[in-house]
Amino acid sequence: MNTLKIAIQKSGRLHDESIQILKDCGISIYNGNDQLKVTASNFPLEVYYLRNSDIPQYLIDGVVDIAIVGDNLLVEKGQNIQIAEKLGFSKCKVSVAVPKNFNYNSIQDLNGLRVATSYPKTVVDYFSSKGISVDIHQISGSVEIAPNIGLSDAIVDIVSSGSTLFKNGLKEVEVILKSEAVLAVSPQISEDVEKLLQKLQFRIQAVLRSRKSKYILMNVPNDKIAKISKILPVLKSPTVMPLAEEGWSSVHSVIDEDQFWEVIDQLKAAGAEGILVCPIEKMVL
């Protein structure tokens, strides 16, 4: 029997959300003994817990079929690795930062200076594209401390909230790229295993759609149903069910969370009352 092999981060910012999306897909994973490889109990899936920086090579070598990684890591190490799905979590930036007292006007100010980073290829590609030469100091962790100990004049590192930069007296001056978690696919995945990937991806897409949507129910006067229906960005058409009170109906629909408050305001102005909003667990189209 074929088995789909997936790599996820052993620990760190991607680990918990990677496990959560698999669980939301209905896949049962138990790792009470902190093993490096576990098998799902209800889906043909093996989960490999790996060091983040090693995952691209495991994909390239075909040791694992797929992985959940930040796409910034694929830019750095993931030659020929395709992205099957953007997952929408663990969003961050790879940015250039300098000490707060650095008189920064443009990227040209860093020409000939020392830059500490865990992403040497990304740094070389970026600065070369700008026609700038920098002296790269590769560090495997705690990059933000480098300027304070005199190791570098600037850094290139992952930035999420910016709090780590602030604590270390740094300021963000350039964004090299924006990153998020993605489902990456090995170039050596077999046709049979790819069918399993398609099943998993179908589940993931249903979960992602549900996270971006809300289910709403409202009471609407019958003479306002047509007007309300035009406001709703529905999948096909809203569900309309008569209420016990004559002249009123219950209208059900799905709206995108990004448009939520704008749509709610329009619905209220059009005559909707008693609006209820519910989360959606899965959304299969």
Protein backbone atom coordinates (compact mmCIF):
# COMPACT_ATOMS: atom_id res chain seq x y z
CA MET A 1 0.00 0.00 0.00
CA ASN A 2 1.33 3.43 -0.93
CA THR A 3 2.02 5.96 1.78
CA LEU A 4 2.40 9.72 1.50
CA LYS A 5 5.43 11.00 3.43
CA ILE A 6 5.24 14.55 4.77
CA ALA A 7 7.95 16.54 6.56
CA ILE A 8 7.12 19.22 9.07
CA GLN A 9 9.24 21.35 11.34
CA LYS A 10 10.32 19.43 14.46
CA SER A 11 9.89 22.56 16.59
CA GLY A 12 9.49 26.26 15.99
CA ARG A 13 6.93 28.67 14.61
CA LEU A 14 5.62 26.33 11.87
CA HIS A 15 5.25 23.16 13.95
CA ASP A 16 2.00 23.73 15.81
CA GLU A 17 0.06 25.16 12.88
CA SER A 18 1.29 22.38 10.59
CA ILE A 19 -0.04 19.75 13.00
CA GLN A 20 -3.29 21.69 13.40
CA ILE A 21 -4.07 21.83 9.68
CA LEU A 22 -3.52 18.07 9.39
CA LYS A 23 -5.87 17.52 12.33
CA ASP A 24 -8.42 19.87 10.75
CA CYS A 25 -8.22 17.63 7.68
CA GLY A 26 -9.43 14.76 9.86
CA ILE A 27 -6.03 13.07 10.10
CA SER A 28 -5.20 11.53 13.47
CA ILE A 29 -1.59 11.87 14.52
CA TYR A 30 -0.27 10.79 17.92
CA ASN A 31 3.32 11.48 18.92
CA GLY A 32 3.32 11.06 22.67
CA ASN A 33 6.85 9.64 22.65
CA ASP A 34 8.38 12.50 20.64
CA GLN A 35 9.36 10.20 17.78
CA LEU A 36 10.92 11.59 14.62
CA LYS A 37 8.54 9.57 12.43
CA VAL A 38 4.92 8.67 13.15
CA THR A 39 2.14 7.10 11.10
CA ALA A 40 -1.38 8.52 10.91
CA SER A 41 -4.03 6.10 12.14
CA ASN A 42 -6.74 6.95 9.57
CA PHE A 43 -4.95 8.12 6.42
CA PRO A 44 -1.98 6.63 4.51
CA LEU A 45 0.41 9.31 5.80
CA GLU A 46 3.80 9.22 7.53
CA VAL A 47 4.90 12.38 9.33
CA TYR A 48 8.62 13.15 9.59
CA TYR A 49 9.65 15.69 12.22
CA LEU A 50 12.76 17.36 10.83
CA ARG A 51 15.00 20.34 11.41
CA ASN A 52 13.59 23.14 9.29
CA SER A 53 16.75 23.85 7.32
CA ASP A 54 17.09 20.16 6.34
CA ILE A 55 13.61 19.80 4.82
CA PRO A 56 14.37 21.12 1.29
CA GLN A 57 17.13 18.53 0.82
CA TYR A 58 14.83 15.72 1.98
CA LEU A 59 12.37 16.86 -0.70
CA ILE A 60 15.02 17.11 -3.40
CA ASP A 61 16.34 13.62 -2.56
CA GLY A 62 12.83 12.15 -2.51
CA VAL A 63 13.11 10.96 1.09
CA VAL A 64 9.78 12.71 1.73
CA ASP A 65 7.07 13.42 -0.84
CA ILE A 66 5.74 16.69 0.53
CA ALA A 67 6.47 19.18 3.29
CA ILE A 68 4.99 22.16 5.07
CA VAL A 69 7.65 24.88 5.03
CA GLY A 70 7.96 28.61 4.72
CA ASP A 71 8.36 29.57 1.08
CA ASN A 72 11.34 31.75 2.11
CA LEU A 73 13.20 28.49 2.79
CA LEU A 74 12.44 27.30 -0.73
CA VAL A 75 13.87 30.54 -2.12
CA GLU A 76 17.03 29.82 -0.15
CA LYS A 77 17.41 26.05 -0.64
CA GLY A 78 14.55 24.66 -2.70
CA GLN A 79 15.72 24.33 -6.28
CA ASN A 80 13.14 22.52 -8.47
CA ILE A 81 10.68 22.19 -5.60
CA GLN A 82 7.13 23.05 -6.62
CA ILE A 83 4.49 24.64 -4.39
CA ALA A 84 1.16 22.78 -4.41
CA GLU A 85 -0.72 25.09 -2.04
CA LYS A 86 -0.23 28.31 -0.12
CA LEU A 87 -1.51 27.69 3.40
CA GLY A 88 -2.03 31.22 4.69
CA PHE A 89 -0.39 30.89 8.10
CA SER A 90 3.03 31.69 9.62
CA LYS A 91 3.25 34.83 7.52
CA CYS A 92 6.47 36.81 7.85
CA LYS A 93 9.01 38.85 5.90
CA VAL A 94 12.68 38.43 5.11
CA SER A 95 14.00 41.90 5.76
CA VAL A 96 17.11 44.01 6.00
CA ALA A 97 17.59 45.65 9.40
CA VAL A 98 20.20 48.05 10.75
CA PRO A 99 20.92 49.63 14.17
CA LYS A 100 18.48 52.39 15.10
CA ASN A 101 21.26 54.99 15.04
CA PHE A 102 22.32 54.01 11.50
CA ASN A 103 21.69 56.95 9.17
CA TYR A 104 19.91 54.98 6.46
CA ASN A 105 18.74 56.60 3.23
CA SER A 106 18.81 53.80 0.66
CA ILE A 107 20.08 50.27 0.09
CA GLN A 108 23.22 51.82 -1.43
CA ASP A 109 24.27 52.79 2.10
CA LEU A 110 25.11 49.13 2.78
CA ASN A 111 27.58 48.80 -0.10
CA GLY A 112 30.80 47.22 1.18
CA LEU A 113 29.44 46.64 4.69
CA ARG A 114 29.05 43.44 6.71
CA VAL A 115 25.68 41.65 6.72
CA ALA A 116 24.85 38.78 9.09
CA THR A 117 22.21 36.28 8.00
CA SER A 118 21.01 32.68 7.99
CA TYR A 119 19.99 33.09 4.33
CA PRO A 120 23.21 33.67 2.35
CA LYS A 121 21.78 32.79 -1.09
CA THR A 122 18.81 35.10 -0.62
CA VAL A 123 21.14 37.90 0.49
CA VAL A 124 23.57 37.42 -2.41
CA ASP A 125 20.76 37.34 -4.97
CA TYR A 126 19.07 40.43 -3.52
CA PHE A 127 22.14 42.63 -3.18
CA SER A 128 23.55 41.48 -6.53
CA SER A 129 20.28 42.51 -8.19
CA LYS A 130 20.84 45.99 -6.74
CA GLY A 131 24.46 46.12 -7.90
CA ILE A 132 25.70 46.13 -4.31
CA SER A 133 28.58 44.16 -2.80
CA VAL A 134 28.36 43.12 0.86
CA ASP A 135 30.49 40.97 3.15
CA ILE A 136 28.23 38.11 4.29
CA HIS A 137 28.59 36.54 7.73
CA GLN A 138 26.53 33.36 7.86
CA ILE A 139 24.98 32.62 11.29
CA SER A 140 22.72 29.70 12.11
CA GLY A 141 20.72 31.48 14.81
CA SER A 142 20.28 34.66 16.91
CA VAL A 143 21.16 36.80 13.92
CA GLU A 144 19.70 39.93 15.53
CA ILE A 145 22.53 40.10 18.08
CA ALA A 146 25.27 40.39 15.42
CA PRO A 147 25.40 44.23 15.16
CA ASN A 148 25.46 44.61 18.96
CA ILE A 149 28.56 42.41 19.32
CA GLY A 150 30.36 44.04 16.40
CA LEU A 151 30.03 41.09 14.02
CA SER A 152 28.07 42.97 11.36
CA ASP A 153 26.76 46.37 10.31
CA ALA A 154 23.34 45.03 9.27
CA ILE A 155 21.32 41.82 9.25
CA VAL A 156 18.92 39.98 6.98
CA ASP A 157 16.47 37.85 8.92
CA ILE A 158 12.86 36.77 9.32
CA VAL A 159 10.60 39.49 10.72
CA SER A 160 7.12 38.74 12.05
CA SER A 161 5.94 41.36 14.53
CA GLY A 162 9.20 43.29 14.65
CA SER A 163 9.45 42.95 18.44
CA THR A 164 12.75 41.05 18.28
CA LEU A 165 14.31 43.82 16.19
CA PHE A 166 13.04 46.44 18.64
CA LYS A 167 14.45 44.58 21.65
CA ASN A 168 17.86 44.44 20.00
CA GLY A 169 17.97 48.09 18.96
CA LEU A 170 17.38 47.42 15.24
CA LYS A 171 15.05 48.89 12.63
CA GLU A 172 13.67 47.33 9.46
CA VAL A 173 14.75 49.25 6.36
CA GLU A 174 14.02 46.95 3.39
CA VAL A 175 11.72 43.97 2.73
CA ILE A 176 13.38 41.40 0.48
CA LEU A 177 10.41 39.04 0.26
CA LYS A 178 7.17 38.08 1.99
CA SER A 179 6.70 34.51 3.09
CA GLU A 180 4.02 32.14 4.38
CA ALA A 181 3.65 28.42 4.98
CA VAL A 182 3.24 26.38 1.82
CA LEU A 183 2.73 22.75 0.87
CA ALA A 184 5.85 21.86 -1.12
CA VAL A 185 6.21 18.81 -3.36
CA SER A 186 9.26 16.68 -4.07
CA PRO A 187 10.33 16.56 -7.75
CA GLN A 188 10.62 12.77 -7.29
CA ILE A 189 7.06 12.08 -6.14
CA SER A 190 5.57 9.04 -7.89
CA GLU A 191 2.27 9.01 -9.78
CA ASP A 192 0.67 6.66 -7.26
CA VAL A 193 1.68 8.77 -4.29
CA GLU A 194 0.60 11.93 -6.13
CA LYS A 195 -2.96 10.55 -6.07
CA LEU A 196 -2.74 10.50 -2.28
CA LEU A 197 -1.44 14.07 -2.36
CA GLN A 198 -4.49 15.10 -4.39
CA LYS A 199 -6.77 13.60 -1.72
CA LEU A 200 -4.91 15.44 1.03
CA GLN A 201 -4.89 18.67 -0.96
CA PHE A 202 -8.66 18.40 -1.46
CA ARG A 203 -9.08 18.27 2.32
CA ILE A 204 -6.65 21.14 2.86
CA GLN A 205 -8.51 23.33 0.37
CA ALA A 206 -11.79 22.64 2.18
CA VAL A 207 -10.20 23.67 5.48
CA LEU A 208 -8.63 26.82 4.03
CA ARG A 209 -11.91 27.91 2.44
CA SER A 210 -13.71 27.45 5.75
CA ARG A 211 -11.14 29.62 7.54
CA LYS A 212 -11.79 32.46 5.13
CA SER A 213 -15.59 32.27 5.30
CA LYS A 214 -18.48 32.72 7.73
CA TYR A 215 -21.96 31.20 7.66
CA ILE A 216 -24.70 33.77 8.30
CA LEU A 217 -28.41 33.46 9.05
CA MET A 218 -30.82 36.37 9.16
CA ASN A 219 -34.50 37.17 9.31
CA VAL A 220 -35.71 39.10 6.27
CA PRO A 221 -39.12 40.49 5.27
CA ASN A 222 -40.30 38.63 2.18
CA ASP A 223 -40.51 41.86 0.17
CA LYS A 224 -36.77 42.48 0.91
CA ILE A 225 -35.44 39.05 -0.07
CA ALA A 226 -34.55 40.05 -3.64
CA LYS A 227 -32.67 43.12 -2.42
CA ILE A 228 -30.84 41.15 0.29
CA SER A 229 -29.92 38.40 -2.17
CA LYS A 230 -28.15 40.90 -4.44
CA ILE A 231 -25.93 41.98 -1.54
CA LEU A 232 -24.84 38.48 -0.57
CA PRO A 233 -21.65 37.19 -2.29
CA VAL A 234 -23.04 33.65 -2.29
CA LEU A 235 -21.70 30.42 -3.75
CA LYS A 236 -24.82 29.99 -5.96
CA SER A 237 -27.89 31.47 -4.31
CA PRO A 238 -28.93 31.98 -0.68
CA THR A 239 -31.07 29.44 1.12
CA VAL A 240 -34.51 30.90 1.93
CA MET A 241 -36.87 29.23 4.42
CA PRO A 242 -40.22 30.61 5.63
CA LEU A 243 -40.58 31.56 9.29
CA ALA A 244 -43.60 30.86 11.49
CA GLU A 245 -44.41 34.57 11.39
CA GLU A 246 -46.16 35.33 8.12
CA GLY A 247 -44.33 37.64 5.73
CA TRP A 248 -40.85 36.74 7.03
CA SER A 249 -38.18 34.27 5.95
CA SER A 250 -34.83 33.03 7.22
CA VAL A 251 -32.04 33.65 4.72
CA HIS A 252 -28.81 31.62 4.97
CA SER A 253 -25.57 32.28 3.10
CA VAL A 254 -21.77 32.29 3.23
CA ILE A 255 -19.68 35.45 3.16
CA ASP A 256 -15.96 36.06 2.91
CA GLU A 257 -14.42 37.11 6.22
CA ASP A 258 -12.47 39.92 4.55
CA GLN A 259 -15.78 41.51 3.47
CA PHE A 260 -17.64 40.62 6.65
CA TRP A 261 -18.36 43.96 8.33
CA GLU A 262 -18.99 45.80 5.07
CA VAL A 263 -21.57 43.19 4.04
CA ILE A 264 -23.20 43.14 7.48
CA ASP A 265 -23.69 46.90 7.37
CA GLN A 266 -25.31 46.63 3.93
CA LEU A 267 -27.60 43.80 5.08
CA LYS A 268 -28.82 45.75 8.11
CA ALA A 269 -29.46 48.83 5.97
CA ALA A 270 -31.45 46.67 3.53
CA GLY A 271 -33.76 45.37 6.25
CA ALA A 272 -32.14 42.20 7.62
CA GLU A 273 -32.68 41.52 11.33
CA GLY A 274 -31.48 38.98 13.90
CA ILE A 275 -28.25 38.27 12.02
CA LEU A 276 -26.36 35.24 13.36
CA VAL A 277 -22.77 34.46 12.37
CA CYS A 278 -21.26 30.96 12.67
CA PRO A 279 -17.81 29.53 11.94
CA ILE A 280 -17.51 26.92 9.20
CA GLU A 281 -15.59 23.75 9.98
CA LYS A 282 -15.15 22.53 6.38
CA MET A 283 -16.25 23.93 3.03
CA VAL A 284 -16.34 21.47 0.13
CA LEU A 285 -17.13 22.77 -3.35
